[in-house]
Amino acid sequence: MSLPSGAQAALDAFSACQGWEQRARLLMQWGEQLAPLSESERCESNRVAGCESQVWLLAERNGEHWQFRASSDARLLRGLLALLLARANDLPQRELTQLDLPDWFAQLGLARHLSPSRSNGLQAVLTRMQQLLTTDD
């Protein structure tokens, strides 16, 4: 399964990093690229349950493919969300339901730096993505 172009760009960028400090800086930069959500989009119905920080997620279907937008009040988490969206955006539903999040963050060299609560939060975001797929009309 080939990676979406955004995911390949992320993988290339993070693979070039020498250590955690470089990865952390790059993570913050990726987070700054997330399109901001409006106040009305930061509502309770778009909030992801199971995250310590506040996280909002919106999904839009474009034919067979899905586009997600997300934001968080935590800088580091915004970077992780940007990487998750780079991997998940434009995938068809079938591939989205098979997305292996721990493997993706391991490929980026970030898995061992994720606290259990961040890992659980990211898993909650992925679970919410998959719920949004099944509630689509």
N, C-alpha and C. Protein backbone atom coordinates (compact mmCIF):
# COMPACT_ATOMS: atom_id res chain seq x y z
N MET A 1 0.85 -1.17 0.00
CA MET A 1 0.00 0.00 0.00
C MET A 1 0.90 1.24 0.00
N SER A 2 0.73 2.07 -0.98
CA SER A 2 1.58 3.27 -1.07
C SER A 2 1.03 4.36 -0.16
N LEU A 3 1.93 5.22 0.27
CA LEU A 3 1.55 6.31 1.17
C LEU A 3 0.98 7.49 0.40
N PRO A 4 0.01 8.21 0.99
CA PRO A 4 -0.41 9.47 0.38
C PRO A 4 0.80 10.42 0.33
N SER A 5 0.78 11.39 -0.58
CA SER A 5 1.94 12.26 -0.76
C SER A 5 2.32 13.00 0.52
N GLY A 6 1.33 13.46 1.29
CA GLY A 6 1.62 14.15 2.54
C GLY A 6 2.30 13.26 3.54
N ALA A 7 1.89 12.01 3.58
CA ALA A 7 2.50 11.04 4.49
C ALA A 7 3.94 10.74 4.06
N GLN A 8 4.16 10.62 2.76
CA GLN A 8 5.52 10.37 2.27
C GLN A 8 6.43 11.55 2.61
N ALA A 9 5.91 12.78 2.46
CA ALA A 9 6.69 13.97 2.81
C ALA A 9 7.04 13.97 4.29
N ALA A 10 6.09 13.58 5.12
CA ALA A 10 6.33 13.50 6.57
C ALA A 10 7.40 12.46 6.88
N LEU A 11 7.27 11.30 6.25
CA LEU A 11 8.23 10.23 6.48
C LEU A 11 9.64 10.65 6.06
N ASP A 12 9.74 11.31 4.91
CA ASP A 12 11.05 11.79 4.44
C ASP A 12 11.64 12.81 5.41
N ALA A 13 10.81 13.75 5.86
CA ALA A 13 11.29 14.81 6.76
C ALA A 13 11.73 14.23 8.10
N PHE A 14 10.93 13.35 8.68
CA PHE A 14 11.26 12.80 9.99
C PHE A 14 12.41 11.80 9.92
N SER A 15 12.54 11.11 8.79
CA SER A 15 13.66 10.17 8.63
C SER A 15 14.99 10.90 8.58
N ALA A 16 14.98 12.16 8.14
CA ALA A 16 16.21 12.95 8.05
C ALA A 16 16.65 13.51 9.41
N CYS A 17 15.79 13.44 10.40
CA CYS A 17 16.12 13.99 11.73
C CYS A 17 17.15 13.11 12.44
N GLN A 18 18.07 13.79 13.14
CA GLN A 18 19.12 13.07 13.84
C GLN A 18 18.72 12.60 15.23
N GLY A 19 17.83 13.30 15.89
CA GLY A 19 17.46 12.89 17.24
C GLY A 19 16.13 13.48 17.65
N TRP A 20 15.79 13.26 18.93
CA TRP A 20 14.50 13.70 19.43
C TRP A 20 14.32 15.21 19.34
N GLU A 21 15.37 15.99 19.64
CA GLU A 21 15.24 17.45 19.61
C GLU A 21 14.81 17.93 18.22
N GLN A 22 15.46 17.40 17.18
CA GLN A 22 15.09 17.78 15.81
C GLN A 22 13.66 17.33 15.49
N ARG A 23 13.32 16.12 15.91
CA ARG A 23 11.96 15.62 15.66
C ARG A 23 10.93 16.47 16.38
N ALA A 24 11.22 16.87 17.62
CA ALA A 24 10.27 17.69 18.39
C ALA A 24 10.06 19.04 17.71
N ARG A 25 11.15 19.65 17.21
CA ARG A 25 11.02 20.93 16.50
C ARG A 25 10.18 20.75 15.23
N LEU A 26 10.47 19.69 14.50
CA LEU A 26 9.73 19.41 13.26
C LEU A 26 8.25 19.14 13.57
N LEU A 27 8.01 18.45 14.66
CA LEU A 27 6.64 18.16 15.09
C LEU A 27 5.86 19.47 15.33
N MET A 28 6.50 20.42 16.00
CA MET A 28 5.86 21.73 16.25
C MET A 28 5.57 22.44 14.92
N GLN A 29 6.52 22.35 13.99
CA GLN A 29 6.32 23.00 12.68
C GLN A 29 5.15 22.37 11.93
N TRP A 30 5.04 21.06 11.99
CA TRP A 30 3.92 20.39 11.33
C TRP A 30 2.61 20.83 11.96
N GLY A 31 2.59 20.98 13.27
CA GLY A 31 1.39 21.41 13.96
C GLY A 31 0.94 22.79 13.55
N GLU A 32 1.90 23.67 13.24
CA GLU A 32 1.57 25.03 12.81
C GLU A 32 0.92 25.04 11.43
N GLN A 33 1.07 23.95 10.68
CA GLN A 33 0.48 23.89 9.33
C GLN A 33 -0.99 23.49 9.34
N LEU A 34 -1.49 23.04 10.48
CA LEU A 34 -2.91 22.66 10.54
C LEU A 34 -3.78 23.89 10.30
N ALA A 35 -4.76 23.75 9.45
CA ALA A 35 -5.70 24.85 9.23
C ALA A 35 -6.50 25.07 10.50
N PRO A 36 -6.60 26.31 10.96
CA PRO A 36 -7.34 26.55 12.20
C PRO A 36 -8.83 26.25 12.03
N LEU A 37 -9.45 25.81 13.10
CA LEU A 37 -10.88 25.57 13.10
C LEU A 37 -11.57 26.83 13.62
N SER A 38 -12.75 27.08 13.09
CA SER A 38 -13.53 28.23 13.56
C SER A 38 -14.08 27.94 14.96
N GLU A 39 -14.53 29.00 15.62
CA GLU A 39 -15.14 28.82 16.95
C GLU A 39 -16.32 27.86 16.88
N SER A 40 -17.13 27.99 15.83
CA SER A 40 -18.31 27.12 15.72
C SER A 40 -17.91 25.65 15.48
N GLU A 41 -16.74 25.43 14.87
CA GLU A 41 -16.28 24.05 14.64
C GLU A 41 -15.69 23.44 15.92
N ARG A 42 -15.27 24.29 16.84
CA ARG A 42 -14.72 23.81 18.11
C ARG A 42 -15.86 23.59 19.11
N CYS A 43 -16.82 22.80 18.69
CA CYS A 43 -18.00 22.55 19.52
C CYS A 43 -17.93 21.15 20.13
N GLU A 44 -18.81 20.91 21.06
CA GLU A 44 -18.80 19.64 21.78
C GLU A 44 -19.01 18.45 20.85
N SER A 45 -19.85 18.61 19.81
CA SER A 45 -20.12 17.48 18.92
C SER A 45 -18.91 17.09 18.08
N ASN A 46 -17.94 18.00 17.91
CA ASN A 46 -16.71 17.69 17.16
C ASN A 46 -15.56 17.31 18.08
N ARG A 47 -15.80 17.35 19.38
CA ARG A 47 -14.73 17.07 20.33
C ARG A 47 -14.50 15.56 20.43
N VAL A 48 -13.23 15.18 20.53
CA VAL A 48 -12.87 13.76 20.63
C VAL A 48 -12.81 13.38 22.10
N ALA A 49 -13.62 12.40 22.49
CA ALA A 49 -13.59 11.90 23.86
C ALA A 49 -12.37 11.01 24.04
N GLY A 50 -11.83 10.99 25.23
CA GLY A 50 -10.70 10.11 25.52
C GLY A 50 -9.35 10.77 25.39
N CYS A 51 -9.32 12.07 25.16
CA CYS A 51 -8.06 12.82 25.09
C CYS A 51 -7.94 13.69 26.33
N GLU A 52 -6.74 13.73 26.91
CA GLU A 52 -6.51 14.62 28.05
C GLU A 52 -6.61 16.08 27.62
N SER A 53 -6.02 16.40 26.47
CA SER A 53 -6.11 17.75 25.92
C SER A 53 -7.41 17.83 25.12
N GLN A 54 -7.81 19.05 24.82
CA GLN A 54 -8.99 19.20 23.97
C GLN A 54 -8.59 18.97 22.52
N VAL A 55 -9.33 18.10 21.85
CA VAL A 55 -9.09 17.79 20.44
C VAL A 55 -10.43 17.81 19.73
N TRP A 56 -10.46 18.47 18.57
CA TRP A 56 -11.66 18.52 17.75
C TRP A 56 -11.34 17.89 16.40
N LEU A 57 -12.30 17.17 15.84
CA LEU A 57 -12.10 16.47 14.57
C LEU A 57 -13.34 16.61 13.71
N LEU A 58 -13.11 16.96 12.44
CA LEU A 58 -14.19 17.06 11.46
C LEU A 58 -13.82 16.19 10.27
N ALA A 59 -14.83 15.58 9.66
CA ALA A 59 -14.60 14.71 8.50
C ALA A 59 -15.50 15.14 7.36
N GLU A 60 -14.96 14.98 6.16
CA GLU A 60 -15.73 15.29 4.96
C GLU A 60 -15.42 14.24 3.91
N ARG A 61 -16.46 13.71 3.32
CA ARG A 61 -16.29 12.69 2.28
C ARG A 61 -16.23 13.36 0.93
N ASN A 62 -15.27 12.91 0.13
CA ASN A 62 -15.11 13.43 -1.22
C ASN A 62 -15.06 12.21 -2.14
N GLY A 63 -16.22 11.80 -2.61
CA GLY A 63 -16.29 10.56 -3.40
C GLY A 63 -15.99 9.38 -2.50
N GLU A 64 -15.00 8.59 -2.87
CA GLU A 64 -14.60 7.43 -2.08
C GLU A 64 -13.59 7.79 -0.99
N HIS A 65 -13.08 9.01 -1.05
CA HIS A 65 -11.99 9.39 -0.16
C HIS A 65 -12.46 10.33 0.94
N TRP A 66 -11.66 10.39 2.01
CA TRP A 66 -12.01 11.17 3.19
C TRP A 66 -10.99 12.26 3.45
N GLN A 67 -11.47 13.41 3.90
CA GLN A 67 -10.63 14.53 4.31
C GLN A 67 -10.97 14.84 5.76
N PHE A 68 -9.96 14.96 6.58
CA PHE A 68 -10.17 15.28 7.98
C PHE A 68 -9.50 16.61 8.30
N ARG A 69 -10.11 17.31 9.25
CA ARG A 69 -9.50 18.52 9.81
C ARG A 69 -9.53 18.36 11.31
N ALA A 70 -8.48 18.80 11.97
CA ALA A 70 -8.41 18.63 13.42
C ALA A 70 -7.64 19.77 14.04
N SER A 71 -7.85 19.93 15.33
CA SER A 71 -7.09 20.92 16.08
C SER A 71 -7.06 20.49 17.54
N SER A 72 -6.14 21.10 18.27
CA SER A 72 -6.01 20.83 19.70
C SER A 72 -5.51 22.07 20.39
N ASP A 73 -5.73 22.12 21.70
CA ASP A 73 -5.21 23.23 22.48
C ASP A 73 -3.75 22.99 22.90
N ALA A 74 -3.22 21.82 22.58
CA ALA A 74 -1.84 21.47 22.96
C ALA A 74 -0.92 21.47 21.73
N ARG A 75 0.19 22.21 21.81
CA ARG A 75 1.08 22.36 20.65
C ARG A 75 1.62 21.03 20.13
N LEU A 76 2.15 20.22 21.03
CA LEU A 76 2.73 18.95 20.61
C LEU A 76 1.66 18.06 19.97
N LEU A 77 0.50 18.08 20.55
CA LEU A 77 -0.59 17.26 20.00
C LEU A 77 -1.01 17.75 18.62
N ARG A 78 -0.98 19.06 18.39
CA ARG A 78 -1.29 19.58 17.05
C ARG A 78 -0.33 18.98 16.02
N GLY A 79 0.94 18.86 16.37
CA GLY A 79 1.91 18.24 15.46
C GLY A 79 1.58 16.78 15.20
N LEU A 80 1.24 16.07 16.25
CA LEU A 80 0.88 14.65 16.09
C LEU A 80 -0.39 14.51 15.25
N LEU A 81 -1.34 15.41 15.47
CA LEU A 81 -2.56 15.39 14.65
C LEU A 81 -2.25 15.66 13.18
N ALA A 82 -1.35 16.62 12.94
CA ALA A 82 -0.97 16.93 11.55
C ALA A 82 -0.37 15.69 10.88
N LEU A 83 0.43 14.94 11.62
CA LEU A 83 1.03 13.72 11.06
C LEU A 83 -0.02 12.63 10.85
N LEU A 84 -0.96 12.55 11.77
CA LEU A 84 -2.05 11.58 11.61
C LEU A 84 -2.88 11.93 10.37
N LEU A 85 -3.19 13.23 10.21
CA LEU A 85 -3.98 13.64 9.04
C LEU A 85 -3.21 13.44 7.74
N ALA A 86 -1.88 13.66 7.79
CA ALA A 86 -1.07 13.43 6.59
C ALA A 86 -1.18 11.97 6.16
N ARG A 87 -1.29 11.08 7.13
CA ARG A 87 -1.38 9.65 6.83
C ARG A 87 -2.80 9.24 6.43
N ALA A 88 -3.82 9.89 7.03
CA ALA A 88 -5.20 9.43 6.84
C ALA A 88 -5.95 10.15 5.73
N ASN A 89 -5.61 11.41 5.46
CA ASN A 89 -6.38 12.17 4.48
C ASN A 89 -6.26 11.58 3.08
N ASP A 90 -7.35 11.61 2.36
CA ASP A 90 -7.47 11.13 0.99
C ASP A 90 -7.47 9.61 0.86
N LEU A 91 -7.56 8.91 1.98
CA LEU A 91 -7.64 7.45 1.89
C LEU A 91 -9.10 7.04 1.69
N PRO A 92 -9.32 5.93 0.97
CA PRO A 92 -10.67 5.40 0.91
C PRO A 92 -11.01 4.74 2.26
N GLN A 93 -12.27 4.58 2.53
CA GLN A 93 -12.73 4.04 3.82
C GLN A 93 -12.07 2.71 4.16
N ARG A 94 -11.94 1.84 3.20
CA ARG A 94 -11.35 0.51 3.43
C ARG A 94 -9.95 0.62 4.02
N GLU A 95 -9.13 1.53 3.47
CA GLU A 95 -7.77 1.70 3.97
C GLU A 95 -7.75 2.40 5.32
N LEU A 96 -8.69 3.33 5.51
CA LEU A 96 -8.75 4.04 6.79
C LEU A 96 -9.04 3.09 7.95
N THR A 97 -9.91 2.12 7.71
CA THR A 97 -10.26 1.19 8.78
C THR A 97 -9.10 0.25 9.13
N GLN A 98 -8.12 0.16 8.24
CA GLN A 98 -6.96 -0.72 8.48
C GLN A 98 -5.71 0.04 8.92
N LEU A 99 -5.84 1.35 9.15
CA LEU A 99 -4.69 2.18 9.48
C LEU A 99 -4.07 1.73 10.81
N ASP A 100 -2.79 1.47 10.78
CA ASP A 100 -2.04 1.01 11.96
C ASP A 100 -1.27 2.21 12.53
N LEU A 101 -1.89 2.86 13.50
CA LEU A 101 -1.31 4.07 14.07
C LEU A 101 0.03 3.85 14.76
N PRO A 102 0.16 2.83 15.62
CA PRO A 102 1.47 2.61 16.25
C PRO A 102 2.58 2.40 15.21
N ASP A 103 2.26 1.69 14.14
CA ASP A 103 3.25 1.46 13.09
C ASP A 103 3.63 2.77 12.40
N TRP A 104 2.66 3.64 12.13
CA TRP A 104 2.93 4.91 11.46
C TRP A 104 3.87 5.77 12.31
N PHE A 105 3.58 5.90 13.61
CA PHE A 105 4.43 6.72 14.47
C PHE A 105 5.79 6.06 14.70
N ALA A 106 5.85 4.73 14.62
CA ALA A 106 7.15 4.04 14.70
C ALA A 106 7.98 4.35 13.46
N GLN A 107 7.35 4.36 12.28
CA GLN A 107 8.07 4.69 11.04
C GLN A 107 8.65 6.10 11.11
N LEU A 108 7.92 7.01 11.77
CA LEU A 108 8.37 8.40 11.89
C LEU A 108 9.44 8.57 12.97
N GLY A 109 9.69 7.52 13.73
CA GLY A 109 10.67 7.60 14.82
C GLY A 109 10.12 8.30 16.05
N LEU A 110 8.79 8.33 16.18
CA LEU A 110 8.17 9.05 17.30
C LEU A 110 7.55 8.12 18.34
N ALA A 111 7.38 6.86 18.02
CA ALA A 111 6.62 5.95 18.89
C ALA A 111 7.17 5.90 20.32
N ARG A 112 8.47 5.81 20.47
CA ARG A 112 9.02 5.67 21.82
C ARG A 112 8.98 6.97 22.61
N HIS A 113 8.67 8.07 21.94
CA HIS A 113 8.57 9.37 22.63
C HIS A 113 7.14 9.73 23.00
N LEU A 114 6.19 8.88 22.63
CA LEU A 114 4.79 9.15 22.95
C LEU A 114 4.46 8.58 24.32
N SER A 115 3.98 9.43 25.21
CA SER A 115 3.56 8.96 26.52
C SER A 115 2.32 8.08 26.33
N PRO A 116 2.04 7.22 27.31
CA PRO A 116 0.83 6.39 27.20
C PRO A 116 -0.43 7.23 26.99
N SER A 117 -0.52 8.39 27.67
CA SER A 117 -1.74 9.21 27.50
C SER A 117 -1.82 9.79 26.09
N ARG A 118 -0.67 10.18 25.50
CA ARG A 118 -0.70 10.68 24.12
C ARG A 118 -1.06 9.57 23.15
N SER A 119 -0.48 8.40 23.36
CA SER A 119 -0.81 7.25 22.50
C SER A 119 -2.29 6.93 22.58
N ASN A 120 -2.83 6.94 23.79
CA ASN A 120 -4.26 6.66 23.97
C ASN A 120 -5.10 7.74 23.31
N GLY A 121 -4.66 9.00 23.42
CA GLY A 121 -5.38 10.11 22.80
C GLY A 121 -5.41 9.99 21.30
N LEU A 122 -4.26 9.64 20.71
CA LEU A 122 -4.20 9.47 19.25
C LEU A 122 -5.07 8.30 18.81
N GLN A 123 -5.07 7.25 19.61
CA GLN A 123 -5.92 6.10 19.29
C GLN A 123 -7.39 6.52 19.36
N ALA A 124 -7.72 7.39 20.32
CA ALA A 124 -9.10 7.90 20.44
C ALA A 124 -9.48 8.71 19.20
N VAL A 125 -8.52 9.48 18.66
CA VAL A 125 -8.78 10.26 17.45
C VAL A 125 -9.03 9.31 16.28
N LEU A 126 -8.21 8.28 16.14
CA LEU A 126 -8.39 7.31 15.06
C LEU A 126 -9.74 6.59 15.21
N THR A 127 -10.08 6.23 16.43
CA THR A 127 -11.38 5.58 16.68
C THR A 127 -12.51 6.50 16.27
N ARG A 128 -12.39 7.79 16.62
CA ARG A 128 -13.42 8.77 16.24
C ARG A 128 -13.50 8.91 14.72
N MET A 129 -12.35 8.89 14.04
CA MET A 129 -12.35 8.94 12.58
C MET A 129 -13.18 7.78 12.03
N GLN A 130 -12.92 6.61 12.57
CA GLN A 130 -13.61 5.42 12.07
C GLN A 130 -15.10 5.46 12.39
N GLN A 131 -15.47 6.07 13.54
CA GLN A 131 -16.89 6.24 13.85
C GLN A 131 -17.54 7.19 12.85
N LEU A 132 -16.83 8.26 12.49
CA LEU A 132 -17.38 9.22 11.53
C LEU A 132 -17.61 8.56 10.17
N LEU A 133 -16.77 7.59 9.82
CA LEU A 133 -16.93 6.87 8.55
C LEU A 133 -18.24 6.11 8.53
N THR A 134 -18.57 5.53 9.66
CA THR A 134 -19.76 4.66 9.71
C THR A 134 -21.04 5.44 9.92
N THR A 135 -20.93 6.72 10.36
CA THR A 135 -22.14 7.52 10.55
C THR A 135 -22.45 8.36 9.32
N ASP A 136 -21.59 8.27 8.30
CA ASP A 136 -21.83 9.04 7.08
C ASP A 136 -23.06 8.51 6.37
N ASP A 137 -23.86 9.43 5.90
CA ASP A 137 -25.09 9.02 5.19
C ASP A 137 -24.78 8.63 3.76
